[in-house]
Amino acid sequence: MRRILLLRSKTVFAMLEIARLRQHPEEFAAALTRKGVKEAGSLVNQILELDERRRSLVTEVDGLRQQMNLASKSVGALMAQGKKEEAETAKAQTAADKARIKELEDELVPIEAASYELFVQLPNKPHDSVPTGKTAEDNAVVGENKKVVEFGFAALPHWELARKHDIIDWELGVKITGAGFPVYRGKGAILQRALITFFLDRARLAGYEEIMPPLMVNEASGFGTGQLPDKEGQMYAIERDGFYLIPTAEVPITNLYRDVILEEKNFPIKNCGYTPCFRREAGSYGKDVKGLNRLHQFDKVELVQITHPDKSYETLEDMTTYVESLLEALELPWRRLLLCTGDMSFASAKTFDLEVWSAAQERWLEVSSVSNFETFQTNRLKLRYRDEEKKTQLAHSLNGSALALPRIVASLLENHQQEDGSILIPEALRPFTGFDKIG
């Protein structure tokens, strides 16, 4: 029985979505096809067939339980009336019903397991406004501040500037840990701390409550936000204890609300948090891993909102505009991308990426993703709210980087470098650094 209950608690999220899938299977399959799911129609049909069998078994079990309960209650009454033979018949029927229920529940286990294994392969459906595409080349530029820097001298990449001013040491990071774990020192370390404080203070003024969460999460937390099982190979696992180092503060902060019923009047829930982030970045290579472009450990301030479904796309726009305001304050060239279906995350329904211009590398670097997950995460988390009619509904969850530090630092160094090799600190950041330039 415990095995059955454990499986059902793990698959309850799927049952809620399957109920919606039954209503519009062709629409669901078409949306998944847009997101790159192969043979989505066949997969949807398999899930529905398993669910049909599951519901049939559950109905039979429920009927037998009701019949068994009635028969069990009648035994005492029949004995009191002296109807011993009828009482024994009722007892035998109860035993037969109990045995049959066990058979049906044993049959349910592999069906629910198969349904679960199929359903967790399905990504979130893309919003209708998301363009269909396969790669980053199909993303749409939907906003920019047109402030790309042009130098009258040969601009240095950030790794050369960092080495020149002795503010980031990659070799020491390799010595202590390995590639992708740089050491920040002197003004480099102060710049990191200044950016974190700047981002947190700005978030607080924008109405976000600051959270300082654990840096390790359990499997249930990883599953709740969609990192598991999709990104298991990209996370650092502490196998002995069953924990994972967080890839982003999104995971622990969103899981604050796992198995919680919120009150509609309390929307929106707005949290922010600074954490180190840990990512294996398996398969990364080439120019994308040069300097600070791609790391295994980096610092980031994250925004998370839980809101009413009717407000979530308005919230997505507000969060994205807020991130743009941070880039403006740092005097960086930026642009906004609407990601196509093939470049979105597994869990996202719609995502905007913010990129900054790398003056020396002469290319755009992603520094933030702001995503609306609709009910994909809240379904897994069983995160609900009570509406005006006191009915419970699934909330919508959103998150966004505000901001990830490595590429922000890279862009600050490159875009604010001077001909003499020094780097000017943006005015908005100077109260946090205590100095106005490096070098």
Protein backbone atom coordinates (compact mmCIF):
# COMPACT_ATOMS: atom_id res chain seq x y z
CA MET A 1 0.00 0.00 0.00
CA ARG A 2 2.84 2.43 0.86
CA ARG A 3 4.37 1.81 -2.58
CA ILE A 4 1.04 2.67 -4.23
CA LEU A 5 0.55 5.84 -2.18
CA LEU A 6 4.13 6.98 -2.89
CA LEU A 7 3.68 6.55 -6.63
CA ARG A 8 0.34 8.34 -6.58
CA SER A 9 1.79 11.29 -4.68
CA LYS A 10 4.52 11.50 -7.36
CA THR A 11 2.10 11.30 -10.27
CA VAL A 12 -0.73 13.52 -9.01
CA PHE A 13 0.76 16.45 -10.99
CA ALA A 14 0.32 14.45 -14.20
CA MET A 15 -3.31 13.65 -13.51
CA LEU A 16 -4.22 17.35 -13.39
CA GLU A 17 -2.58 18.05 -16.75
CA ILE A 18 -3.97 14.88 -18.33
CA ALA A 19 -7.45 16.13 -17.49
CA ARG A 20 -6.75 19.22 -19.63
CA LEU A 21 -5.06 17.11 -22.29
CA ARG A 22 -8.22 14.96 -22.66
CA GLN A 23 -10.23 18.06 -23.52
CA HIS A 24 -7.92 19.26 -26.33
CA PRO A 25 -5.55 16.43 -27.35
CA GLU A 26 -4.90 17.68 -30.91
CA GLU A 27 -4.16 21.22 -29.71
CA PHE A 28 -1.82 19.83 -27.04
CA ALA A 29 0.02 17.64 -29.56
CA ALA A 30 0.38 20.52 -32.02
CA ALA A 31 1.86 22.77 -29.31
CA LEU A 32 4.36 20.08 -28.28
CA THR A 33 5.32 19.54 -31.91
CA ARG A 34 6.13 23.24 -32.16
CA LYS A 35 8.47 22.80 -29.21
CA GLY A 36 10.31 19.97 -30.93
CA VAL A 37 8.73 16.89 -29.35
CA LYS A 38 9.02 14.07 -31.89
CA GLU A 39 5.85 12.09 -32.62
CA ALA A 40 3.93 14.24 -30.12
CA GLY A 41 0.57 12.94 -31.35
CA SER A 42 1.55 9.33 -30.72
CA LEU A 43 2.92 10.22 -27.29
CA VAL A 44 -0.30 12.04 -26.37
CA ASN A 45 -2.37 9.05 -27.49
CA GLN A 46 -0.27 6.66 -25.40
CA ILE A 47 -0.78 8.83 -22.33
CA LEU A 48 -4.53 9.04 -22.92
CA GLU A 49 -4.84 5.27 -23.42
CA LEU A 50 -2.97 4.62 -20.18
CA ASP A 51 -5.12 7.18 -18.41
CA GLU A 52 -8.31 5.60 -19.71
CA ARG A 53 -7.21 2.26 -18.29
CA ARG A 54 -6.15 3.92 -15.03
CA ARG A 55 -9.49 5.67 -14.60
CA SER A 56 -11.34 2.43 -15.33
CA LEU A 57 -9.36 0.61 -12.65
CA VAL A 58 -9.81 3.42 -10.13
CA THR A 59 -13.58 3.42 -10.75
CA GLU A 60 -13.72 -0.34 -10.20
CA VAL A 61 -11.64 -0.06 -7.02
CA ASP A 62 -13.87 2.71 -5.66
CA GLY A 63 -16.99 0.65 -6.40
CA LEU A 64 -15.55 -2.41 -4.70
CA ARG A 65 -14.54 -0.38 -1.65
CA GLN A 66 -18.05 0.96 -1.31
CA GLN A 67 -19.50 -2.53 -1.74
CA MET A 68 -17.00 -3.95 0.77
CA ASN A 69 -17.80 -1.28 3.35
CA LEU A 70 -21.54 -1.93 3.06
CA ALA A 71 -21.04 -5.70 3.36
CA SER A 72 -18.73 -5.25 6.36
CA LYS A 73 -21.29 -3.06 8.16
CA SER A 74 -24.05 -5.61 7.51
CA VAL A 75 -22.18 -8.48 9.20
CA GLY A 76 -22.85 -7.23 12.73
CA ALA A 77 -26.49 -6.55 12.03
CA LEU A 78 -27.03 -9.99 10.49
CA MET A 79 -25.35 -11.71 13.42
CA ALA A 80 -27.56 -9.75 15.85
CA GLN A 81 -30.62 -10.96 13.93
CA GLY A 82 -29.42 -14.54 14.14
CA LYS A 83 -28.78 -14.76 10.43
CA LYS A 84 -25.44 -16.48 10.80
CA GLU A 85 -25.36 -18.01 7.33
CA GLU A 86 -26.04 -14.65 5.66
CA ALA A 87 -23.42 -13.03 7.89
CA GLU A 88 -20.82 -15.58 6.78
CA THR A 89 -21.76 -14.93 3.15
CA ALA A 90 -21.24 -11.20 3.74
CA LYS A 91 -17.86 -11.92 5.37
CA ALA A 92 -16.80 -14.03 2.40
CA GLN A 93 -17.90 -11.29 0.00
CA THR A 94 -15.87 -8.75 1.97
CA ALA A 95 -12.78 -10.96 1.77
CA ALA A 96 -13.29 -11.48 -1.96
CA ASP A 97 -13.70 -7.75 -2.53
CA LYS A 98 -10.55 -7.06 -0.53
CA ALA A 99 -8.56 -9.55 -2.58
CA ARG A 100 -9.87 -8.11 -5.82
CA ILE A 101 -9.00 -4.57 -4.72
CA LYS A 102 -5.42 -5.69 -4.08
CA GLU A 103 -5.24 -7.24 -7.57
CA LEU A 104 -6.51 -4.04 -9.16
CA GLU A 105 -4.13 -1.84 -7.14
CA ASP A 106 -1.22 -4.07 -8.16
CA GLU A 107 -2.33 -3.61 -11.77
CA LEU A 108 -2.50 0.16 -11.23
CA VAL A 109 1.14 0.44 -10.17
CA PRO A 110 2.79 -0.24 -13.57
CA ILE A 111 0.11 1.76 -15.39
CA GLU A 112 0.67 4.82 -13.20
CA ALA A 113 4.44 4.35 -13.47
CA ALA A 114 4.24 4.14 -17.28
CA SER A 115 1.98 7.21 -17.40
CA TYR A 116 4.42 9.11 -15.19
CA GLU A 117 7.45 8.13 -17.30
CA LEU A 118 5.72 9.31 -20.47
CA PHE A 119 4.36 12.50 -18.99
CA VAL A 120 7.64 13.78 -17.54
CA GLN A 121 9.05 13.70 -21.08
CA LEU A 122 6.60 16.43 -22.09
CA PRO A 123 7.87 20.01 -21.90
CA ASN A 124 5.61 22.95 -21.18
CA LYS A 125 3.44 24.09 -24.05
CA PRO A 126 4.66 27.31 -25.71
CA HIS A 127 2.40 30.35 -25.59
CA ASP A 128 0.70 31.18 -28.88
CA SER A 129 2.80 34.35 -29.25
CA VAL A 130 6.09 32.38 -29.23
CA PRO A 131 7.58 32.07 -32.73
CA THR A 132 8.17 28.59 -34.09
CA GLY A 133 11.85 27.81 -34.64
CA LYS A 134 14.63 25.33 -34.04
CA THR A 135 17.70 27.26 -32.91
CA ALA A 136 18.83 30.63 -31.53
CA GLU A 137 18.97 31.87 -35.11
CA ASP A 138 15.16 31.85 -35.10
CA ASN A 139 14.81 34.11 -32.04
CA ALA A 140 13.27 37.53 -32.62
CA VAL A 141 14.87 40.81 -31.55
CA VAL A 142 11.97 42.76 -29.99
CA GLY A 143 13.77 45.61 -28.21
CA GLU A 144 17.15 47.33 -27.80
CA ASN A 145 18.68 50.55 -26.54
CA LYS A 146 20.98 51.05 -29.58
CA LYS A 147 24.01 52.13 -27.52
CA VAL A 148 26.67 49.87 -29.02
CA VAL A 149 30.11 51.25 -28.12
CA GLU A 150 32.62 52.11 -30.83
CA PHE A 151 36.24 52.67 -29.79
CA GLY A 152 38.95 54.65 -31.53
CA PHE A 153 41.48 52.09 -30.31
CA ALA A 154 41.91 48.34 -30.22
CA ALA A 155 39.59 47.13 -27.46
CA LEU A 156 40.86 44.36 -25.17
CA PRO A 157 38.70 41.37 -24.20
CA HIS A 158 37.73 41.14 -20.54
CA TRP A 159 40.13 38.30 -19.76
CA GLU A 160 43.10 40.43 -20.84
CA LEU A 161 41.80 43.44 -18.91
CA ALA A 162 41.29 41.28 -15.81
CA ARG A 163 44.82 39.91 -16.09
CA LYS A 164 46.26 43.40 -16.67
CA HIS A 165 44.69 44.73 -13.46
CA ASP A 166 45.07 41.48 -11.48
CA ILE A 167 41.37 41.32 -10.55
CA ILE A 168 40.50 37.80 -11.77
CA ASP A 169 42.81 34.78 -11.63
CA TRP A 170 41.79 31.74 -13.67
CA GLU A 171 44.98 29.78 -12.97
CA LEU A 172 44.45 29.92 -9.20
CA GLY A 173 40.89 28.67 -9.74
CA VAL A 174 42.23 25.71 -11.71
CA LYS A 175 44.74 25.02 -8.94
CA ILE A 176 42.11 25.09 -6.19
CA THR A 177 39.24 23.39 -8.05
CA GLY A 178 39.43 23.21 -11.84
CA ALA A 179 38.54 25.09 -15.01
CA GLY A 180 35.44 27.27 -14.74
CA PHE A 181 36.04 28.32 -11.11
CA PRO A 182 37.83 31.71 -11.23
CA VAL A 183 39.24 33.54 -8.22
CA TYR A 184 38.24 37.21 -7.88
CA ARG A 185 40.66 39.41 -5.97
CA GLY A 186 41.13 43.05 -4.97
CA LYS A 187 38.88 45.36 -6.95
CA GLY A 188 37.55 42.34 -8.85
CA ALA A 189 36.14 40.89 -5.62
CA ILE A 190 34.80 44.30 -4.56
CA LEU A 191 33.13 44.70 -7.96
CA GLN A 192 31.38 41.34 -7.50
CA ARG A 193 30.12 42.31 -4.04
CA ALA A 194 29.07 45.76 -5.26
CA LEU A 195 26.99 44.32 -8.11
CA ILE A 196 25.26 41.84 -5.80
CA THR A 197 24.33 44.59 -3.34
CA PHE A 198 23.27 46.93 -6.14
CA PHE A 199 20.95 44.30 -7.64
CA LEU A 200 19.48 43.30 -4.26
CA ASP A 201 18.86 46.91 -3.21
CA ARG A 202 17.17 47.68 -6.53
CA ALA A 203 14.97 44.58 -6.16
CA ARG A 204 13.98 45.55 -2.62
CA LEU A 205 12.96 49.03 -3.83
CA ALA A 206 10.88 47.32 -6.54
CA GLY A 207 8.90 45.45 -3.88
CA TYR A 208 10.73 42.11 -3.75
CA GLU A 209 11.29 40.38 -0.41
CA GLU A 210 14.87 39.16 -0.08
CA ILE A 211 15.40 35.45 0.60
CA MET A 212 18.64 33.71 1.57
CA PRO A 213 17.92 30.06 0.67
CA PRO A 214 19.95 26.82 1.03
CA LEU A 215 22.46 26.12 -1.74
CA MET A 216 21.49 22.44 -1.91
CA VAL A 217 18.07 21.01 -2.70
CA ASN A 218 16.48 17.59 -2.59
CA GLU A 219 14.99 15.65 -5.48
CA ALA A 220 11.46 16.88 -4.80
CA SER A 221 12.60 20.49 -5.15
CA GLY A 222 14.46 19.79 -8.40
CA PHE A 223 11.40 18.02 -9.77
CA GLY A 224 9.06 20.82 -8.68
CA THR A 225 10.74 23.50 -10.80
CA GLY A 226 11.46 21.21 -13.77
CA GLN A 227 15.23 20.69 -13.41
CA LEU A 228 14.59 17.00 -12.79
CA PRO A 229 14.51 14.82 -14.72
CA ASP A 230 15.22 17.15 -17.69
CA LYS A 231 18.54 18.69 -16.56
CA GLU A 232 19.86 16.03 -14.21
CA GLY A 233 23.12 15.74 -16.18
CA GLN A 234 23.78 19.47 -15.82
CA MET A 235 23.49 19.52 -12.01
CA TYR A 236 26.14 18.64 -9.46
CA ALA A 237 24.83 15.77 -7.34
CA ILE A 238 25.75 14.88 -3.76
CA GLU A 239 24.69 11.28 -4.20
CA ARG A 240 25.38 10.08 -0.66
CA ASP A 241 22.83 12.51 0.75
CA GLY A 242 20.45 12.74 -2.20
CA PHE A 243 21.04 16.48 -2.68
CA TYR A 244 21.85 18.68 -5.68
CA LEU A 245 23.84 21.93 -5.75
CA ILE A 246 21.47 24.59 -7.04
CA PRO A 247 21.82 25.74 -10.68
CA THR A 248 19.95 28.95 -9.75
CA ALA A 249 18.14 30.48 -6.77
CA GLU A 250 14.91 29.89 -8.69
CA VAL A 251 14.85 26.31 -7.42
CA PRO A 252 14.91 26.82 -3.64
CA ILE A 253 12.94 30.09 -3.71
CA THR A 254 10.07 28.73 -5.83
CA ASN A 255 10.01 25.61 -3.64
CA LEU A 256 9.24 27.78 -0.62
CA TYR A 257 5.67 27.46 -1.87
CA ARG A 258 5.56 23.73 -2.60
CA ASP A 259 2.36 22.15 -1.18
CA VAL A 260 1.06 25.61 -0.22
CA ILE A 261 -2.38 27.15 -0.78
CA LEU A 262 -2.12 30.93 -1.09
CA GLU A 263 -4.85 33.51 -0.72
CA GLU A 264 -5.72 35.37 -3.93
CA LYS A 265 -5.61 38.71 -2.08
CA ASN A 266 -1.87 38.20 -1.39
CA PHE A 267 -0.87 38.17 -5.07
CA PRO A 268 1.65 38.91 -6.40
CA ILE A 269 4.24 37.10 -4.27
CA LYS A 270 7.60 38.74 -5.09
CA ASN A 271 10.91 37.27 -3.89
CA CYS A 272 14.52 37.92 -4.78
CA GLY A 273 17.68 36.19 -3.67
CA TYR A 274 21.42 36.14 -4.21
CA THR A 275 23.19 32.77 -4.41
CA PRO A 276 26.18 31.19 -6.01
CA CYS A 277 25.02 28.94 -8.87
CA PHE A 278 26.57 25.62 -9.87
CA ARG A 279 26.33 24.10 -13.36
CA ARG A 280 28.29 21.30 -14.97
CA GLU A 281 27.87 22.90 -18.42
CA ALA A 282 28.55 19.54 -20.05
CA GLY A 283 29.27 19.84 -23.76
CA SER A 284 30.38 23.48 -23.68
CA TYR A 285 33.38 24.28 -25.84
CA GLY A 286 35.13 26.88 -28.00
CA LYS A 287 34.85 30.64 -27.71
CA ASP A 288 31.72 30.35 -25.52
CA VAL A 289 33.86 29.17 -22.58
CA LYS A 290 36.58 31.82 -22.86
CA GLY A 291 37.12 33.97 -19.75
CA LEU A 292 33.85 34.63 -17.90
CA ASN A 293 31.62 33.56 -20.78
CA ARG A 294 30.69 30.20 -19.26
CA LEU A 295 31.52 29.03 -15.72
CA HIS A 296 30.77 26.12 -13.42
CA GLN A 297 30.27 28.44 -10.42
CA PHE A 298 28.99 31.99 -10.65
CA ASP A 299 26.97 34.55 -8.69
CA LYS A 300 23.46 35.64 -9.56
CA VAL A 301 20.54 37.59 -8.15
CA GLU A 302 17.25 35.94 -9.07
CA LEU A 303 13.68 37.24 -9.14
CA VAL A 304 10.69 34.94 -8.56
CA GLN A 305 7.02 35.86 -8.73
CA ILE A 306 3.93 33.80 -7.97
CA THR A 307 0.82 35.43 -9.37
CA HIS A 308 -2.75 35.10 -10.58
CA PRO A 309 -3.07 33.38 -13.99
CA ASP A 310 -4.88 36.42 -15.43
CA LYS A 311 -1.90 38.65 -14.54
CA SER A 312 1.10 36.49 -15.44
CA TYR A 313 1.82 37.90 -18.91
CA GLU A 314 1.52 41.44 -17.63
CA THR A 315 3.97 40.37 -14.91
CA LEU A 316 6.34 38.89 -17.51
CA GLU A 317 6.51 42.22 -19.29
CA ASP A 318 7.01 44.13 -16.01
CA MET A 319 9.85 41.82 -14.93
CA THR A 320 11.59 42.09 -18.29
CA THR A 321 11.31 45.89 -18.32
CA TYR A 322 12.74 45.94 -14.79
CA VAL A 323 15.82 43.94 -15.90
CA GLU A 324 16.29 46.36 -18.78
CA SER A 325 16.33 49.22 -16.26
CA LEU A 326 19.28 47.55 -14.49
CA LEU A 327 21.21 47.37 -17.75
CA GLU A 328 20.40 51.03 -18.41
CA ALA A 329 21.71 51.97 -14.95
CA LEU A 330 24.95 50.11 -15.70
CA GLU A 331 25.23 52.02 -18.99
CA LEU A 332 25.43 48.84 -21.05
CA PRO A 333 24.22 48.22 -24.61
CA TRP A 334 21.37 45.70 -24.48
CA ARG A 335 18.75 44.03 -26.60
CA ARG A 336 15.68 41.91 -25.85
CA LEU A 337 15.02 38.60 -27.63
CA LEU A 338 11.77 36.66 -27.77
CA LEU A 339 12.93 33.05 -27.79
CA CYS A 340 11.56 30.67 -30.39
CA THR A 341 10.07 27.30 -29.48
CA GLY A 342 13.31 25.42 -30.14
CA ASP A 343 15.47 27.67 -27.94
CA MET A 344 13.20 27.81 -24.89
CA SER A 345 13.72 25.88 -21.70
CA PHE A 346 11.85 22.65 -21.00
CA ALA A 347 9.61 24.33 -18.40
CA SER A 348 8.93 27.71 -20.02
CA ALA A 349 5.78 28.84 -21.83
CA LYS A 350 7.37 32.11 -22.95
CA THR A 351 10.84 33.56 -22.43
CA PHE A 352 12.55 36.86 -23.07
CA ASP A 353 16.35 36.90 -23.05
CA LEU A 354 18.33 40.07 -22.34
CA GLU A 355 21.73 40.30 -23.97
CA VAL A 356 24.57 42.81 -23.59
CA TRP A 357 27.10 43.75 -26.24
CA SER A 358 30.65 42.51 -25.79
CA ALA A 359 32.72 45.33 -27.26
CA ALA A 360 35.96 43.38 -27.68
CA GLN A 361 34.42 40.04 -28.66
CA GLU A 362 31.96 41.88 -30.91
CA ARG A 363 29.02 39.70 -30.09
CA TRP A 364 25.97 39.60 -27.86
CA LEU A 365 26.12 37.80 -24.50
CA GLU A 366 23.03 36.55 -22.67
CA VAL A 367 22.81 37.97 -19.14
CA SER A 368 19.19 37.26 -18.20
CA SER A 369 16.28 35.03 -19.06
CA VAL A 370 12.82 36.05 -17.86
CA SER A 371 10.23 33.29 -18.17
CA ASN A 372 6.56 32.59 -17.54
CA PHE A 373 6.01 28.93 -16.65
CA GLU A 374 2.23 29.31 -16.30
CA THR A 375 1.08 26.19 -14.37
CA PHE A 376 3.96 23.89 -15.38
CA GLN A 377 5.89 24.36 -12.14
CA THR A 378 2.93 25.04 -9.84
CA ASN A 379 1.29 21.80 -10.94
CA ARG A 380 4.42 19.84 -9.99
CA LEU A 381 4.72 21.84 -6.78
CA LYS A 382 1.00 21.58 -5.96
CA LEU A 383 1.15 25.36 -5.49
CA ARG A 384 -2.40 26.64 -5.46
CA TYR A 385 -4.44 29.66 -4.44
CA ARG A 386 -7.94 30.03 -3.09
CA ASP A 387 -10.14 32.20 -5.32
CA GLU A 388 -13.10 34.40 -4.34
CA GLU A 389 -15.42 31.40 -4.45
CA LYS A 390 -13.05 29.53 -2.07
CA LYS A 391 -12.08 27.08 -4.83
CA THR A 392 -8.42 26.13 -5.19
CA GLN A 393 -6.71 26.84 -8.51
CA LEU A 394 -3.13 26.50 -9.76
CA ALA A 395 -1.15 29.75 -9.58
CA HIS A 396 1.33 30.89 -12.25
CA SER A 397 5.08 31.12 -11.54
CA LEU A 398 7.70 33.32 -13.20
CA ASN A 399 11.39 33.92 -12.70
CA GLY A 400 14.19 36.03 -14.12
CA SER A 401 17.89 36.76 -13.66
CA ALA A 402 18.49 40.24 -12.28
CA LEU A 403 21.29 39.67 -12.94
CA ALA A 404 23.90 36.95 -13.59
CA LEU A 405 27.29 38.45 -12.79
CA PRO A 406 29.95 36.84 -15.05
CA ARG A 407 28.86 38.30 -18.37
CA ILE A 408 27.80 41.56 -16.72
CA VAL A 409 31.35 41.89 -15.38
CA ALA A 410 32.75 40.95 -18.79
CA SER A 411 30.61 43.58 -20.48
CA LEU A 412 31.40 46.24 -17.87
CA LEU A 413 35.14 45.71 -18.33
CA GLU A 414 34.97 45.69 -22.11
CA ASN A 415 32.44 48.48 -22.71
CA HIS A 416 33.83 50.87 -20.11
CA GLN A 417 37.54 50.44 -20.90
CA GLN A 418 39.54 53.52 -21.74
CA GLU A 419 42.42 53.99 -24.18
CA ASP A 420 44.94 53.92 -21.31
CA GLY A 421 43.61 50.49 -20.24
CA SER A 422 41.68 51.69 -17.20
CA ILE A 423 38.00 50.80 -16.68
CA LEU A 424 35.44 53.39 -15.60
CA ILE A 425 32.79 52.31 -13.09
CA PRO A 426 29.21 53.39 -14.01
CA GLU A 427 27.99 56.22 -11.81
CA ALA A 428 25.10 54.20 -10.35
CA LEU A 429 27.56 51.56 -9.12
CA ARG A 430 30.16 53.87 -7.55
CA PRO A 431 28.43 54.18 -4.14
CA PHE A 432 28.72 50.39 -3.88
CA THR A 433 32.32 50.00 -5.08
CA GLY A 434 33.84 52.99 -3.30
CA PHE A 435 35.97 53.74 -6.39
CA ASP A 436 35.21 55.20 -9.80
CA LYS A 437 37.67 53.28 -11.92
CA ILE A 438 39.95 50.26 -12.07
CA GLY A 439 43.52 51.04 -13.08
